[in-house]
Amino acid sequence: MSRKKIKLAYITNDSARKTTYKKRSKGLVKKVRELTTLCGIEGFTVMNSPDFGSQVELRKLRKENRQKELKEVIFESLSGKGILQSLNAMDLDEVDLLVKQNLTDIDNRVRVLTKASRS
């Protein structure tokens, strides 16, 4: 079954425009993810649309990326690379918070597992 050809023009209906934006942006992100997996590269896409609440999503993704960067810094420093010396005070504070959060998560998980093994 073939898809009908659509005319590329501004969609005046607000709900139809938002629906199209959400569907197409998900498709675009999926394609970027596939490309990074297939080619073994890192890739990203930037979509900025103040009309559809993308600022909140952008902040969320920025925070996730920052945490991934900090985790990478932690693992590199644990493997013997002296990368922590090159960080500024603000970055070191963020690393400290991330380490404390991970330790708290580990402690909570250990408590849950020991409680489950006793039952």
PDB file of N, CA and C in Angstrom:
ATOM      1  N   MET A   1       0.845  -1.169   0.000  1.00  0.00           N
ATOM      2  CA  MET A   1       0.000   0.000   0.000  1.00  0.00           C
ATOM      3  C   MET A   1       0.895   1.237   0.000  1.00  0.00           C
ATOM      4  N   SER A   2       0.734   2.069  -0.954  1.00  0.00           N
ATOM      5  CA  SER A   2       1.575   3.258  -1.066  1.00  0.00           C
ATOM      6  C   SER A   2       0.920   4.441  -0.345  1.00  0.00           C
ATOM      7  N   ARG A   3       1.758   5.312   0.084  1.00  0.00           N
ATOM      8  CA  ARG A   3       1.251   6.511   0.748  1.00  0.00           C
ATOM      9  C   ARG A   3       0.970   7.579  -0.295  1.00  0.00           C
ATOM     10  N   LYS A   4      -0.023   8.387  -0.001  1.00  0.00           N
ATOM     11  CA  LYS A   4      -0.324   9.451  -0.945  1.00  0.00           C
ATOM     12  C   LYS A   4       0.673  10.586  -0.773  1.00  0.00           C
ATOM     13  N   LYS A   5       0.945  11.271  -1.826  1.00  0.00           N
ATOM     14  CA  LYS A   5       1.899  12.374  -1.794  1.00  0.00           C
ATOM     15  C   LYS A   5       1.228  13.570  -1.133  1.00  0.00           C
ATOM     16  N   ILE A   6       1.966  14.170  -0.188  1.00  0.00           N
ATOM     17  CA  ILE A   6       1.400  15.329   0.493  1.00  0.00           C
ATOM     18  C   ILE A   6       2.025  16.601  -0.059  1.00  0.00           C
ATOM     19  N   LYS A   7       1.248  17.640   0.000  1.00  0.00           N
ATOM     20  CA  LYS A   7       1.735  18.944  -0.440  1.00  0.00           C
ATOM     21  C   LYS A   7       2.446  19.601   0.733  1.00  0.00           C
ATOM     22  N   LEU A   8       3.690  19.987   0.528  1.00  0.00           N
ATOM     23  CA  LEU A   8       4.446  20.632   1.595  1.00  0.00           C
ATOM     24  C   LEU A   8       4.064  22.100   1.676  1.00  0.00           C
ATOM     25  N   ALA A   9       3.299  22.402   2.708  1.00  0.00           N
ATOM     26  CA  ALA A   9       2.866  23.772   2.955  1.00  0.00           C
ATOM     27  C   ALA A   9       2.575  23.910   4.441  1.00  0.00           C
ATOM     28  N   TYR A  10       2.517  25.119   4.907  1.00  0.00           N
ATOM     29  CA  TYR A  10       2.239  25.383   6.313  1.00  0.00           C
ATOM     30  C   TYR A  10       0.869  24.835   6.674  1.00  0.00           C
ATOM     31  N   ILE A  11       0.797  24.122   7.779  1.00  0.00           N
ATOM     32  CA  ILE A  11      -0.473  23.546   8.243  1.00  0.00           C
ATOM     33  C   ILE A  11      -1.145  24.586   9.137  1.00  0.00           C
ATOM     34  N   THR A  12      -2.279  25.064   8.722  1.00  0.00           N
ATOM     35  CA  THR A  12      -2.950  26.138   9.453  1.00  0.00           C
ATOM     36  C   THR A  12      -3.709  25.631  10.678  1.00  0.00           C
ATOM     37  N   ASN A  13      -4.167  24.404  10.654  1.00  0.00           N
ATOM     38  CA  ASN A  13      -4.888  23.835  11.788  1.00  0.00           C
ATOM     39  C   ASN A  13      -3.884  23.530  12.909  1.00  0.00           C
ATOM     40  N   ASP A  14      -4.086  24.148  14.088  1.00  0.00           N
ATOM     41  CA  ASP A  14      -3.134  24.006  15.190  1.00  0.00           C
ATOM     42  C   ASP A  14      -2.946  22.560  15.641  1.00  0.00           C
ATOM     43  N   SER A  15      -4.044  21.851  15.859  1.00  0.00           N
ATOM     44  CA  SER A  15      -3.921  20.479  16.368  1.00  0.00           C
ATOM     45  C   SER A  15      -3.280  19.557  15.330  1.00  0.00           C
ATOM     46  N   ALA A  16      -3.606  19.741  14.070  1.00  0.00           N
ATOM     47  CA  ALA A  16      -2.992  18.926  13.016  1.00  0.00           C
ATOM     48  C   ALA A  16      -1.508  19.236  12.891  1.00  0.00           C
ATOM     49  N   ARG A  17      -1.140  20.525  13.047  1.00  0.00           N
ATOM     50  CA  ARG A  17       0.267  20.922  12.974  1.00  0.00           C
ATOM     51  C   ARG A  17       1.067  20.316  14.121  1.00  0.00           C
ATOM     52  N   LYS A  18       0.516  20.356  15.344  1.00  0.00           N
ATOM     53  CA  LYS A  18       1.201  19.782  16.501  1.00  0.00           C
ATOM     54  C   LYS A  18       1.343  18.268  16.360  1.00  0.00           C
ATOM     55  N   THR A  19       0.306  17.617  15.875  1.00  0.00           N
ATOM     56  CA  THR A  19       0.361  16.167  15.675  1.00  0.00           C
ATOM     57  C   THR A  19       1.427  15.816  14.642  1.00  0.00           C
ATOM     58  N   THR A  20       1.452  16.538  13.551  1.00  0.00           N
ATOM     59  CA  THR A  20       2.450  16.297  12.511  1.00  0.00           C
ATOM     60  C   THR A  20       3.852  16.540  13.038  1.00  0.00           C
ATOM     61  N   TYR A  21       4.020  17.601  13.814  1.00  0.00           N
ATOM     62  CA  TYR A  21       5.333  17.908  14.391  1.00  0.00           C
ATOM     63  C   TYR A  21       5.810  16.761  15.272  1.00  0.00           C
ATOM     64  N   LYS A  22       4.939  16.299  16.160  1.00  0.00           N
ATOM     65  CA  LYS A  22       5.324  15.225  17.078  1.00  0.00           C
ATOM     66  C   LYS A  22       5.684  13.949  16.316  1.00  0.00           C
ATOM     67  N   LYS A  23       4.875  13.573  15.352  1.00  0.00           N
ATOM     68  CA  LYS A  23       5.138  12.343  14.592  1.00  0.00           C
ATOM     69  C   LYS A  23       6.439  12.448  13.800  1.00  0.00           C
ATOM     70  N   ARG A  24       6.627  13.545  13.113  1.00  0.00           N
ATOM     71  CA  ARG A  24       7.815  13.694  12.274  1.00  0.00           C
ATOM     72  C   ARG A  24       9.081  13.866  13.093  1.00  0.00           C
ATOM     73  N   SER A  25       8.990  14.554  14.239  1.00  0.00           N
ATOM     74  CA  SER A  25      10.191  14.709  15.062  1.00  0.00           C
ATOM     75  C   SER A  25      10.585  13.365  15.673  1.00  0.00           C
ATOM     76  N   LYS A  26       9.618  12.556  16.064  1.00  0.00           N
ATOM     77  CA  LYS A  26       9.940  11.212  16.560  1.00  0.00           C
ATOM     78  C   LYS A  26      10.607  10.386  15.473  1.00  0.00           C
ATOM     79  N   GLY A  27      10.101  10.502  14.248  1.00  0.00           N
ATOM     80  CA  GLY A  27      10.698   9.780  13.121  1.00  0.00           C
ATOM     81  C   GLY A  27      12.123  10.236  12.843  1.00  0.00           C
ATOM     82  N   LEU A  28      12.355  11.532  12.945  1.00  0.00           N
ATOM     83  CA  LEU A  28      13.692  12.073  12.714  1.00  0.00           C
ATOM     84  C   LEU A  28      14.669  11.600  13.783  1.00  0.00           C
ATOM     85  N   VAL A  29      14.240  11.624  15.042  1.00  0.00           N
ATOM     86  CA  VAL A  29      15.087  11.148  16.134  1.00  0.00           C
ATOM     87  C   VAL A  29      15.387   9.664  15.956  1.00  0.00           C
ATOM     88  N   LYS A  30      14.396   8.904  15.530  1.00  0.00           N
ATOM     89  CA  LYS A  30      14.600   7.473  15.294  1.00  0.00           C
ATOM     90  C   LYS A  30      15.648   7.255  14.197  1.00  0.00           C
ATOM     91  N   LYS A  31      15.584   8.032  13.150  1.00  0.00           N
ATOM     92  CA  LYS A  31      16.563   7.902  12.057  1.00  0.00           C
ATOM     93  C   LYS A  31      17.976   8.234  12.527  1.00  0.00           C
ATOM     94  N   VAL A  32      18.105   9.276  13.349  1.00  0.00           N
ATOM     95  CA  VAL A  32      19.429   9.635  13.874  1.00  0.00           C
ATOM     96  C   VAL A  32      19.948   8.513  14.756  1.00  0.00           C
ATOM     97  N   ARG A  33      19.085   7.936  15.604  1.00  0.00           N
ATOM     98  CA  ARG A  33      19.480   6.830  16.470  1.00  0.00           C
ATOM     99  C   ARG A  33      19.918   5.627  15.636  1.00  0.00           C
ATOM    100  N   GLU A  34      19.183   5.325  14.585  1.00  0.00           N
ATOM    101  CA  GLU A  34      19.549   4.211  13.701  1.00  0.00           C
ATOM    102  C   GLU A  34      20.902   4.461  13.042  1.00  0.00           C
ATOM    103  N   LEU A  35      21.112   5.691  12.581  1.00  0.00           N
ATOM    104  CA  LEU A  35      22.374   6.041  11.932  1.00  0.00           C
ATOM    105  C   LEU A  35      23.550   5.896  12.891  1.00  0.00           C
ATOM    106  N   THR A  36      23.373   6.326  14.130  1.00  0.00           N
ATOM    107  CA  THR A  36      24.461   6.209  15.100  1.00  0.00           C
ATOM    108  C   THR A  36      24.743   4.750  15.420  1.00  0.00           C
ATOM    109  N   THR A  37      23.716   3.920  15.468  1.00  0.00           N
ATOM    110  CA  THR A  37      23.909   2.502  15.752  1.00  0.00           C
ATOM    111  C   THR A  37      24.570   1.796  14.581  1.00  0.00           C
ATOM    112  N   LEU A  38      24.079   2.035  13.393  1.00  0.00           N
ATOM    113  CA  LEU A  38      24.594   1.340  12.214  1.00  0.00           C
ATOM    114  C   LEU A  38      26.019   1.731  11.867  1.00  0.00           C
ATOM    115  N   CYS A  39      26.359   2.996  12.041  1.00  0.00           N
ATOM    116  CA  CYS A  39      27.671   3.488  11.630  1.00  0.00           C
ATOM    117  C   CYS A  39      28.657   3.611  12.788  1.00  0.00           C
ATOM    118  N   GLY A  40      28.192   3.393  14.014  1.00  0.00           N
ATOM    119  CA  GLY A  40      29.073   3.472  15.158  1.00  0.00           C
ATOM    120  C   GLY A  40      29.605   4.872  15.407  1.00  0.00           C
ATOM    121  N   ILE A  41      28.770   5.855  15.161  1.00  0.00           N
ATOM    122  CA  ILE A  41      29.171   7.248  15.361  1.00  0.00           C
ATOM    123  C   ILE A  41      28.247   7.891  16.390  1.00  0.00           C
ATOM    124  N   GLU A  42      28.645   9.059  16.844  1.00  0.00           N
ATOM    125  CA  GLU A  42      27.753   9.838  17.700  1.00  0.00           C
ATOM    126  C   GLU A  42      27.086  10.891  16.839  1.00  0.00           C
ATOM    127  N   GLY A  43      25.800  11.035  17.014  1.00  0.00           N
ATOM    128  CA  GLY A  43      25.076  12.026  16.232  1.00  0.00           C
ATOM    129  C   GLY A  43      23.999  12.670  17.081  1.00  0.00           C
ATOM    130  N   PHE A  44      23.544  13.802  16.649  1.00  0.00           N
ATOM    131  CA  PHE A  44      22.471  14.474  17.361  1.00  0.00           C
ATOM    132  C   PHE A  44      21.689  15.316  16.380  1.00  0.00           C
ATOM    133  N   THR A  45      20.525  15.695  16.800  1.00  0.00           N
ATOM    134  CA  THR A  45      19.703  16.579  16.005  1.00  0.00           C
ATOM    135  C   THR A  45      19.206  17.699  16.902  1.00  0.00           C
ATOM    136  N   VAL A  46      19.090  18.865  16.352  1.00  0.00           N
ATOM    137  CA  VAL A  46      18.604  20.011  17.106  1.00  0.00           C
ATOM    138  C   VAL A  46      17.298  20.458  16.485  1.00  0.00           C
ATOM    139  N   MET A  47      16.258  20.445  17.305  1.00  0.00           N
ATOM    140  CA  MET A  47      14.954  20.931  16.862  1.00  0.00           C
ATOM    141  C   MET A  47      14.484  21.946  17.894  1.00  0.00           C
ATOM    142  N   ASN A  48      14.237  23.135  17.472  1.00  0.00           N
ATOM    143  CA  ASN A  48      13.793  24.176  18.391  1.00  0.00           C
ATOM    144  C   ASN A  48      12.446  24.677  17.933  1.00  0.00           C
ATOM    145  N   SER A  49      11.446  24.449  18.747  1.00  0.00           N
ATOM    146  CA  SER A  49      10.123  24.913  18.419  1.00  0.00           C
ATOM    147  C   SER A  49       9.451  25.452  19.671  1.00  0.00           C
ATOM    148  N   PRO A  50       9.485  26.737  19.887  1.00  0.00           N
ATOM    149  CA  PRO A  50       8.880  27.295  21.095  1.00  0.00           C
ATOM    150  C   PRO A  50       7.371  27.064  21.168  1.00  0.00           C
ATOM    151  N   ASP A  51       6.747  26.773  20.043  1.00  0.00           N
ATOM    152  CA  ASP A  51       5.297  26.567  20.025  1.00  0.00           C
ATOM    153  C   ASP A  51       4.876  25.257  20.666  1.00  0.00           C
ATOM    154  N   PHE A  52       5.744  24.251  20.681  1.00  0.00           N
ATOM    155  CA  PHE A  52       5.335  22.914  21.085  1.00  0.00           C
ATOM    156  C   PHE A  52       6.007  22.436  22.357  1.00  0.00           C
ATOM    157  N   GLY A  53       6.480  23.318  23.199  1.00  0.00           N
ATOM    158  CA  GLY A  53       7.040  22.931  24.478  1.00  0.00           C
ATOM    159  C   GLY A  53       8.389  22.251  24.386  1.00  0.00           C
ATOM    160  N   SER A  54       9.151  22.533  23.342  1.00  0.00           N
ATOM    161  CA  SER A  54      10.434  21.865  23.171  1.00  0.00           C
ATOM    162  C   SER A  54      11.491  22.393  24.132  1.00  0.00           C
ATOM    163  N   GLN A  55      11.258  23.561  24.738  1.00  0.00           N
ATOM    164  CA  GLN A  55      12.237  24.113  25.674  1.00  0.00           C
ATOM    165  C   GLN A  55      12.380  23.218  26.898  1.00  0.00           C
ATOM    166  N   VAL A  56      11.266  22.687  27.383  1.00  0.00           N
ATOM    167  CA  VAL A  56      11.304  21.786  28.535  1.00  0.00           C
ATOM    168  C   VAL A  56      12.044  20.511  28.159  1.00  0.00           C
ATOM    169  N   GLU A  57      11.733  19.984  26.995  1.00  0.00           N
ATOM    170  CA  GLU A  57      12.401  18.767  26.528  1.00  0.00           C
ATOM    171  C   GLU A  57      13.891  19.019  26.292  1.00  0.00           C
ATOM    172  N   LEU A  58      14.215  20.188  25.793  1.00  0.00           N
ATOM    173  CA  LEU A  58      15.617  20.532  25.555  1.00  0.00           C
ATOM    174  C   LEU A  58      16.394  20.593  26.868  1.00  0.00           C
ATOM    175  N   ARG A  59      15.794  21.176  27.893  1.00  0.00           N
ATOM    176  CA  ARG A  59      16.452  21.221  29.205  1.00  0.00           C
ATOM    177  C   ARG A  59      16.655  19.815  29.757  1.00  0.00           C
ATOM    178  N   LYS A  60      15.652  18.963  29.582  1.00  0.00           N
ATOM    179  CA  LYS A  60      15.747  17.577  30.059  1.00  0.00           C
ATOM    180  C   LYS A  60      16.873  16.845  29.344  1.00  0.00           C
ATOM    181  N   LEU A  61      16.940  16.980  28.037  1.00  0.00           N
ATOM    182  CA  LEU A  61      17.989  16.325  27.267  1.00  0.00           C
ATOM    183  C   LEU A  61      19.367  16.898  27.608  1.00  0.00           C
ATOM    184  N   ARG A  62      19.431  18.197  27.837  1.00  0.00           N
ATOM    185  CA  ARG A  62      20.703  18.828  28.213  1.00  0.00           C
ATOM    186  C   ARG A  62      21.194  18.257  29.540  1.00  0.00           C
ATOM    187  N   LYS A  63      20.272  18.080  30.490  1.00  0.00           N
ATOM    188  CA  LYS A  63      20.638  17.522  31.792  1.00  0.00           C
ATOM    189  C   LYS A  63      21.106  16.079  31.646  1.00  0.00           C
ATOM    190  N   GLU A  64      20.399  15.291  30.846  1.00  0.00           N
ATOM    191  CA  GLU A  64      20.797  13.902  30.619  1.00  0.00           C
ATOM    192  C   GLU A  64      22.171  13.824  29.972  1.00  0.00           C
ATOM    193  N   ASN A  65      22.420  14.665  28.990  1.00  0.00           N
ATOM    194  CA  ASN A  65      23.726  14.680  28.323  1.00  0.00           C
ATOM    195  C   ASN A  65      24.835  15.086  29.278  1.00  0.00           C
ATOM    196  N   ARG A  66      24.548  16.047  30.130  1.00  0.00           N
ATOM    197  CA  ARG A  66      25.554  16.474  31.105  1.00  0.00           C
ATOM    198  C   ARG A  66      25.901  15.339  32.056  1.00  0.00           C
ATOM    199  N   GLN A  67      24.871  14.600  32.502  1.00  0.00           N
ATOM    200  CA  GLN A  67      25.121  13.469  33.387  1.00  0.00           C
ATOM    201  C   GLN A  67      25.932  12.384  32.686  1.00  0.00           C
ATOM    202  N   LYS A  68      25.652  12.153  31.403  1.00  0.00           N
ATOM    203  CA  LYS A  68      26.432  11.172  30.645  1.00  0.00           C
ATOM    204  C   LYS A  68      27.890  11.609  30.531  1.00  0.00           C
ATOM    205  N   GLU A  69      28.105  12.894  30.279  1.00  0.00           N
ATOM    206  CA  GLU A  69      29.475  13.412  30.200  1.00  0.00           C
ATOM    207  C   GLU A  69      30.209  13.228  31.522  1.00  0.00           C
ATOM    208  N   LEU A  70      29.528  13.538  32.614  1.00  0.00           N
ATOM    209  CA  LEU A  70      30.157  13.416  33.916  1.00  0.00           C
ATOM    210  C   LEU A  70      30.454  11.958  34.266  1.00  0.00           C
ATOM    211  N   LYS A  71      29.557  11.060  33.895  1.00  0.00           N
ATOM    212  CA  LYS A  71      29.814   9.635  34.127  1.00  0.00           C
ATOM    213  C   LYS A  71      31.031   9.181  33.343  1.00  0.00           C
ATOM    214  N   GLU A  72      31.150   9.677  32.127  1.00  0.00           N
ATOM    215  CA  GLU A  72      32.315   9.334  31.317  1.00  0.00           C
ATOM    216  C   GLU A  72      33.594   9.862  31.966  1.00  0.00           C
ATOM    217  N   VAL A  73      33.540  11.068  32.515  1.00  0.00           N
ATOM    218  CA  VAL A  73      34.692  11.646  33.215  1.00  0.00           C
ATOM    219  C   VAL A  73      35.060  10.781  34.413  1.00  0.00           C
ATOM    220  N   ILE A  74      34.058  10.344  35.166  1.00  0.00           N
ATOM    221  CA  ILE A  74      34.308   9.507  36.342  1.00  0.00           C
ATOM    222  C   ILE A  74      34.970   8.197  35.932  1.00  0.00           C
ATOM    223  N   PHE A  75      34.438   7.535  34.905  1.00  0.00           N
ATOM    224  CA  PHE A  75      35.005   6.258  34.479  1.00  0.00           C
ATOM    225  C   PHE A  75      36.418   6.417  33.919  1.00  0.00           C
ATOM    226  N   GLU A  76      36.668   7.512  33.212  1.00  0.00           N
ATOM    227  CA  GLU A  76      38.015   7.754  32.698  1.00  0.00           C
ATOM    228  C   GLU A  76      38.996   7.995  33.840  1.00  0.00           C
ATOM    229  N   SER A  77      38.563   8.719  34.859  1.00  0.00           N
ATOM    230  CA  SER A  77      39.462   8.965  35.983  1.00  0.00           C
ATOM    231  C   SER A  77      39.695   7.693  36.785  1.00  0.00           C
ATOM    232  N   LEU A  78      38.691   6.828  36.869  1.00  0.00           N
ATOM    233  CA  LEU A  78      38.876   5.547  37.559  1.00  0.00           C
ATOM    234  C   LEU A  78      39.810   4.616  36.793  1.00  0.00           C
ATOM    235  N   SER A  79      39.883   4.795  35.481  1.00  0.00           N
ATOM    236  CA  SER A  79      40.762   3.938  34.686  1.00  0.00           C
ATOM    237  C   SER A  79      42.203   4.441  34.679  1.00  0.00           C
ATOM    238  N   GLY A  80      42.473   5.515  35.408  1.00  0.00           N
ATOM    239  CA  GLY A  80      43.843   5.986  35.552  1.00  0.00           C
ATOM    240  C   GLY A  80      44.182   7.239  34.781  1.00  0.00           C
ATOM    241  N   LYS A  81      43.256   7.750  34.031  1.00  0.00           N
ATOM    242  CA  LYS A  81      43.513   8.995  33.312  1.00  0.00           C
ATOM    243  C   LYS A  81      43.269  10.153  34.272  1.00  0.00           C
ATOM    244  N   GLY A  82      44.173  11.070  34.340  1.00  0.00           N
ATOM    245  CA  GLY A  82      44.072  12.185  35.272  1.00  0.00           C
ATOM    246  C   GLY A  82      43.192  13.290  34.763  1.00  0.00           C
ATOM    247  N   ILE A  83      41.970  12.968  34.437  1.00  0.00           N
ATOM    248  CA  ILE A  83      41.082  13.960  33.832  1.00  0.00           C
ATOM    249  C   ILE A  83      40.451  14.883  34.877  1.00  0.00           C
ATOM    250  N   LEU A  84      40.367  14.463  36.131  1.00  0.00           N
ATOM    251  CA  LEU A  84      39.728  15.294  37.150  1.00  0.00           C
ATOM    252  C   LEU A  84      40.512  16.576  37.417  1.00  0.00           C
ATOM    253  N   GLN A  85      41.813  16.554  37.205  1.00  0.00           N
ATOM    254  CA  GLN A  85      42.617  17.746  37.456  1.00  0.00           C
ATOM    255  C   GLN A  85      42.296  18.867  36.474  1.00  0.00           C
ATOM    256  N   SER A  86      41.765  18.523  35.323  1.00  0.00           N
ATOM    257  CA  SER A  86      41.481  19.537  34.311  1.00  0.00           C
ATOM    258  C   SER A  86      40.102  20.182  34.480  1.00  0.00           C
ATOM    259  N   LEU A  87      39.311  19.715  35.458  1.00  0.00           N
ATOM    260  CA  LEU A  87      37.970  20.259  35.657  1.00  0.00           C
ATOM    261  C   LEU A  87      38.003  21.490  36.545  1.00  0.00           C
ATOM    262  N   ASN A  88      37.055  22.381  36.317  1.00  0.00           N
ATOM    263  CA  ASN A  88      36.946  23.555  37.187  1.00  0.00           C
ATOM    264  C   ASN A  88      36.093  23.203  38.415  1.00  0.00           C
ATOM    265  N   ALA A  89      35.963  24.127  39.335  1.00  0.00           N
ATOM    266  CA  ALA A  89      35.280  23.872  40.603  1.00  0.00           C
ATOM    267  C   ALA A  89      33.807  23.508  40.396  1.00  0.00           C
ATOM    268  N   MET A  90      33.166  24.159  39.446  1.00  0.00           N
ATOM    269  CA  MET A  90      31.755  23.882  39.200  1.00  0.00           C
ATOM    270  C   MET A  90      31.565  22.454  38.680  1.00  0.00           C
ATOM    271  N   ASP A  91      32.425  22.036  37.768  1.00  0.00           N
ATOM    272  CA  ASP A  91      32.349  20.676  37.248  1.00  0.00           C
ATOM    273  C   ASP A  91      32.629  19.649  38.334  1.00  0.00           C
ATOM    274  N   LEU A  92      33.599  19.945  39.198  1.00  0.00           N
ATOM    275  CA  LEU A  92      33.914  19.035  40.299  1.00  0.00           C
ATOM    276  C   LEU A  92      32.745  18.916  41.272  1.00  0.00           C
ATOM    277  N   ASP A  93      32.028  20.005  41.493  1.00  0.00           N
ATOM    278  CA  ASP A  93      30.836  19.947  42.343  1.00  0.00           C
ATOM    279  C   ASP A  93      29.778  19.038  41.728  1.00  0.00           C
ATOM    280  N   GLU A  94      29.603  19.151  40.413  1.00  0.00           N
ATOM    281  CA  GLU A  94      28.627  18.297  39.738  1.00  0.00           C
ATOM    282  C   GLU A  94      29.039  16.831  39.791  1.00  0.00           C
ATOM    283  N   VAL A  95      30.333  16.563  39.636  1.00  0.00           N
ATOM    284  CA  VAL A  95      30.831  15.187  39.751  1.00  0.00           C
ATOM    285  C   VAL A  95      30.577  14.669  41.159  1.00  0.00           C
ATOM    286  N   ASP A  96      30.825  15.518  42.151  1.00  0.00           N
ATOM    287  CA  ASP A  96      30.588  15.141  43.544  1.00  0.00           C
ATOM    288  C   ASP A  96      29.120  14.779  43.767  1.00  0.00           C
ATOM    289  N   LEU A  97      28.213  15.594  43.264  1.00  0.00           N
ATOM    290  CA  LEU A  97      26.781  15.316  43.408  1.00  0.00           C
ATOM    291  C   LEU A  97      26.393  14.013  42.718  1.00  0.00           C
ATOM    292  N   LEU A  98      26.958  13.778  41.541  1.00  0.00           N
ATOM    293  CA  LEU A  98      26.647  12.557  40.807  1.00  0.00           C
ATOM    294  C   LEU A  98      27.163  11.319  41.547  1.00  0.00           C
ATOM    295  N   VAL A  99      28.365  11.401  42.094  1.00  0.00           N
ATOM    296  CA  VAL A  99      28.923  10.282  42.854  1.00  0.00           C
ATOM    297  C   VAL A  99      28.068  10.016  44.092  1.00  0.00           C
ATOM    298  N   LYS A 100      27.695  11.081  44.814  1.00  0.00           N
ATOM    299  CA  LYS A 100      26.853  10.914  46.002  1.00  0.00           C
ATOM    300  C   LYS A 100      25.507  10.294  45.636  1.00  0.00           C
ATOM    301  N   GLN A 101      24.915  10.727  44.521  1.00  0.00           N
ATOM    302  CA  GLN A 101      23.632  10.175  44.088  1.00  0.00           C
ATOM    303  C   GLN A 101      23.775   8.698  43.738  1.00  0.00           C
ATOM    304  N   ASN A 102      24.848   8.345  43.046  1.00  0.00           N
ATOM    305  CA  ASN A 102      25.068   6.941  42.697  1.00  0.00           C
ATOM    306  C   ASN A 102      25.279   6.087  43.943  1.00  0.00           C
ATOM    307  N   LEU A 103      26.019   6.611  44.922  1.00  0.00           N
ATOM    308  CA  LEU A 103      26.221   5.865  46.171  1.00  0.00           C
ATOM    309  C   LEU A 103      24.903   5.673  46.918  1.00  0.00           C
ATOM    310  N   THR A 104      24.071   6.705  46.931  1.00  0.00           N
ATOM    311  CA  THR A 104      22.755   6.590  47.562  1.00  0.00           C
ATOM    312  C   THR A 104      21.908   5.547  46.852  1.00  0.00           C
ATOM    313  N   ASP A 105      21.923   5.550  45.527  1.00  0.00           N
ATOM    314  CA  ASP A 105      21.169   4.565  44.755  1.00  0.00           C
ATOM    315  C   ASP A 105      21.662   3.147  45.041  1.00  0.00           C
ATOM    316  N   ILE A 106      22.981   2.984  45.144  1.00  0.00           N
ATOM    317  CA  ILE A 106      23.553   1.666  45.433  1.00  0.00           C
ATOM    318  C   ILE A 106      23.139   1.209  46.830  1.00  0.00           C
ATOM    319  N   ASP A 107      23.225   2.106  47.812  1.00  0.00           N
ATOM    320  CA  ASP A 107      22.809   1.761  49.175  1.00  0.00           C
ATOM    321  C   ASP A 107      21.341   1.349  49.223  1.00  0.00           C
ATOM    322  N   ASN A 108      20.492   2.084  48.540  1.00  0.00           N
ATOM    323  CA  ASN A 108      19.064   1.746  48.507  1.00  0.00           C
ATOM    324  C   ASN A 108      18.832   0.393  47.858  1.00  0.00           C
ATOM    325  N   ARG A 109      19.546   0.131  46.793  1.00  0.00           N
ATOM    326  CA  ARG A 109      19.392  -1.151  46.095  1.00  0.00           C
ATOM    327  C   ARG A 109      19.866  -2.311  46.966  1.00  0.00           C
ATOM    328  N   VAL A 110      20.977  -2.106  47.686  1.00  0.00           N
ATOM    329  CA  VAL A 110      21.484  -3.146  48.590  1.00  0.00           C
ATOM    330  C   VAL A 110      20.463  -3.424  49.689  1.00  0.00           C
ATOM    331  N   ARG A 111      19.864  -2.361  50.242  1.00  0.00           N
ATOM    332  CA  ARG A 111      18.828  -2.539  51.267  1.00  0.00           C
ATOM    333  C   ARG A 111      17.657  -3.350  50.742  1.00  0.00           C
ATOM    334  N   VAL A 112      17.213  -3.027  49.541  1.00  0.00           N
ATOM    335  CA  VAL A 112      16.078  -3.747  48.950  1.00  0.00           C
ATOM    336  C   VAL A 112      16.436  -5.217  48.730  1.00  0.00           C
ATOM    337  N   LEU A 113      17.640  -5.472  48.221  1.00  0.00           N
ATOM    338  CA  LEU A 113      18.035  -6.846  47.947  1.00  0.00           C
ATOM    339  C   LEU A 113      18.231  -7.660  49.225  1.00  0.00           C
ATOM    340  N   THR A 114      18.795  -7.039  50.270  1.00  0.00           N
ATOM    341  CA  THR A 114      18.974  -7.772  51.530  1.00  0.00           C
ATOM    342  C   THR A 114      17.634  -8.016  52.192  1.00  0.00           C
ATOM    343  N   LYS A 115      16.710  -7.071  52.077  1.00  0.00           N
ATOM    344  CA  LYS A 115      15.359  -7.262  52.624  1.00  0.00           C
ATOM    345  C   LYS A 115      14.640  -8.400  51.887  1.00  0.00           C
ATOM    346  N   ALA A 116      14.832  -8.454  50.568  1.00  0.00           N
ATOM    347  CA  ALA A 116      14.176  -9.503  49.773  1.00  0.00           C
ATOM    348  C   ALA A 116      14.779 -10.872  50.064  1.00  0.00           C
ATOM    349  N   SER A 117      16.095 -10.928  50.332  1.00  0.00           N
ATOM    350  CA  SER A 117      16.728 -12.219  50.595  1.00  0.00           C
ATOM    351  C   SER A 117      16.343 -12.750  51.972  1.00  0.00           C
ATOM    352  N   ARG A 118      16.008 -11.862  52.903  1.00  0.00           N
ATOM    353  CA  ARG A 118      15.587 -12.295  54.236  1.00  0.00           C
ATOM    354  C   ARG A 118      14.161 -12.826  54.224  1.00  0.00           C
ATOM    355  N   SER A 119      13.372 -12.369  53.297  1.00  0.00           N
ATOM    356  CA  SER A 119      11.956 -12.769  53.247  1.00  0.00           C
ATOM    357  C   SER A 119      11.752 -14.130  52.672  1.00  0.00           C
TER     358      SER A 119
END
